[in-house]
Amino acid sequence: MAVLDRKRRRPPLATCGTCGRSWNGYSTCHCHSCHATFTGWGAFDAHRSHGTCRVPESLVRKDGNPTLMLVERSTGPVWGRWEPEERRNSGWWKEVDEV
């Protein structure tokens, strides 16, 4: 279990030793095969198929909408579950950095 940074009350910054990408958050996932970073396990699992990585922007739901979308975080963009525009702007759904 990661220890909180007492000053910022956030999980410590993690960094991939291969690609140099940094991220924070208890649920944030980084793929050590393709080096994409995801908001959580659900988004991470969506990009894997039979043990191989799929390009996140190429994943499409049955209704034609994307499966994942890029979400801006303080450590850079990460892939998260896609939400319709009206839900993203309604106030109940808001992407913020992990606390």
Protein backbone atom coordinates (compact mmCIF):
# COMPACT_ATOMS: atom_id res chain seq x y z
CA MET A 1 0.00 0.00 0.00
CA ALA A 2 1.29 3.42 -0.95
CA VAL A 3 1.88 6.03 1.72
CA LEU A 4 0.19 9.43 1.44
CA ASP A 5 2.30 12.49 0.83
CA ARG A 6 1.41 14.33 4.07
CA LYS A 7 1.82 17.81 2.56
CA ARG A 8 -0.38 17.27 -0.49
CA ARG A 9 -2.56 14.44 0.91
CA ARG A 10 -2.08 12.50 -2.32
CA PRO A 11 -0.60 9.13 -3.14
CA PRO A 12 3.09 9.34 -4.08
CA LEU A 13 4.09 9.80 -7.69
CA ALA A 14 4.93 6.57 -9.50
CA THR A 15 7.19 6.46 -12.56
CA CYS A 16 7.68 3.77 -15.21
CA GLY A 17 11.36 2.85 -15.42
CA THR A 18 11.07 2.07 -19.13
CA CYS A 19 9.15 5.00 -20.65
CA GLY A 20 9.58 7.57 -17.86
CA ARG A 21 5.85 8.35 -17.59
CA SER A 22 4.74 9.46 -14.09
CA TRP A 23 1.30 9.21 -12.49
CA ASN A 24 -0.40 9.25 -9.11
CA GLY A 25 -3.61 7.82 -7.71
CA TYR A 26 -4.48 4.55 -6.06
CA SER A 27 -6.58 3.31 -8.98
CA THR A 28 -4.46 4.68 -11.85
CA CYS A 29 -3.01 1.88 -13.99
CA HIS A 30 -0.02 1.96 -16.34
CA CYS A 31 0.48 -0.74 -18.96
CA HIS A 32 4.07 -1.95 -19.03
CA SER A 33 3.58 -3.42 -22.51
CA CYS A 34 2.26 -0.43 -24.50
CA HIS A 35 2.96 2.23 -21.83
CA ALA A 36 -0.52 3.79 -21.93
CA THR A 37 -1.90 5.07 -18.61
CA PHE A 38 -5.52 4.53 -17.49
CA THR A 39 -7.87 6.03 -14.88
CA GLY A 40 -8.57 2.59 -13.38
CA TRP A 41 -8.75 -1.17 -13.86
CA GLY A 42 -11.92 -1.02 -15.99
CA ALA A 43 -10.28 1.21 -18.58
CA PHE A 44 -7.06 -0.82 -18.41
CA ASP A 45 -8.93 -4.11 -18.94
CA ALA A 46 -10.87 -2.64 -21.88
CA HIS A 47 -7.62 -2.15 -23.80
CA ARG A 48 -6.44 -5.76 -23.29
CA SER A 49 -7.67 -8.69 -25.39
CA HIS A 50 -6.31 -12.22 -25.08
CA GLY A 51 -3.12 -10.97 -23.44
CA THR A 52 -2.32 -8.28 -25.99
CA CYS A 53 -2.80 -4.51 -26.02
CA ARG A 54 -5.31 -2.80 -28.29
CA VAL A 55 -4.98 0.85 -29.34
CA PRO A 56 -7.35 2.76 -26.99
CA GLU A 57 -8.63 5.18 -29.64
CA SER A 58 -9.63 2.26 -31.90
CA LEU A 59 -12.00 0.68 -29.34
CA VAL A 60 -15.68 1.21 -30.17
CA ARG A 61 -18.86 0.15 -28.32
CA LYS A 62 -21.71 -1.69 -30.05
CA ASP A 63 -23.62 1.62 -30.33
CA GLY A 64 -20.71 3.17 -32.26
CA ASN A 65 -19.43 5.38 -29.42
CA PRO A 66 -15.82 5.13 -28.25
CA THR A 67 -15.03 2.84 -25.33
CA LEU A 68 -12.30 5.09 -23.89
CA MET A 69 -11.54 8.80 -23.94
CA LEU A 70 -8.48 10.84 -23.02
CA VAL A 71 -8.82 12.61 -19.68
CA GLU A 72 -6.37 15.36 -18.72
CA ARG A 73 -4.68 14.95 -15.35
CA SER A 74 -1.94 17.00 -13.69
CA THR A 75 0.57 14.28 -14.64
CA GLY A 76 -0.61 14.18 -18.26
CA PRO A 77 -3.40 12.57 -20.29
CA VAL A 78 -4.79 9.18 -19.23
CA TRP A 79 -7.39 6.92 -20.83
CA GLY A 80 -10.72 6.64 -19.02
CA ARG A 81 -14.20 5.28 -19.68
CA TRP A 82 -16.07 7.31 -22.29
CA GLU A 83 -19.08 9.34 -21.13
CA PRO A 84 -21.54 11.22 -23.38
CA GLU A 85 -20.92 14.96 -23.68
CA GLU A 86 -24.18 15.84 -21.90
CA ARG A 87 -23.18 13.71 -18.89
CA ARG A 88 -19.69 15.21 -18.75
CA ASN A 89 -21.13 18.73 -18.68
CA SER A 90 -24.06 18.02 -16.33
CA GLY A 91 -22.05 18.58 -13.16
CA TRP A 92 -22.38 15.09 -11.65
CA TRP A 93 -19.47 13.66 -13.65
CA LYS A 94 -16.20 15.48 -13.25
CA GLU A 95 -12.70 14.13 -13.83
CA VAL A 96 -10.27 15.35 -11.21
CA ASP A 97 -6.93 14.10 -10.03
CA GLU A 98 -6.94 11.23 -7.56
CA VAL A 99 -6.96 12.46 -3.99
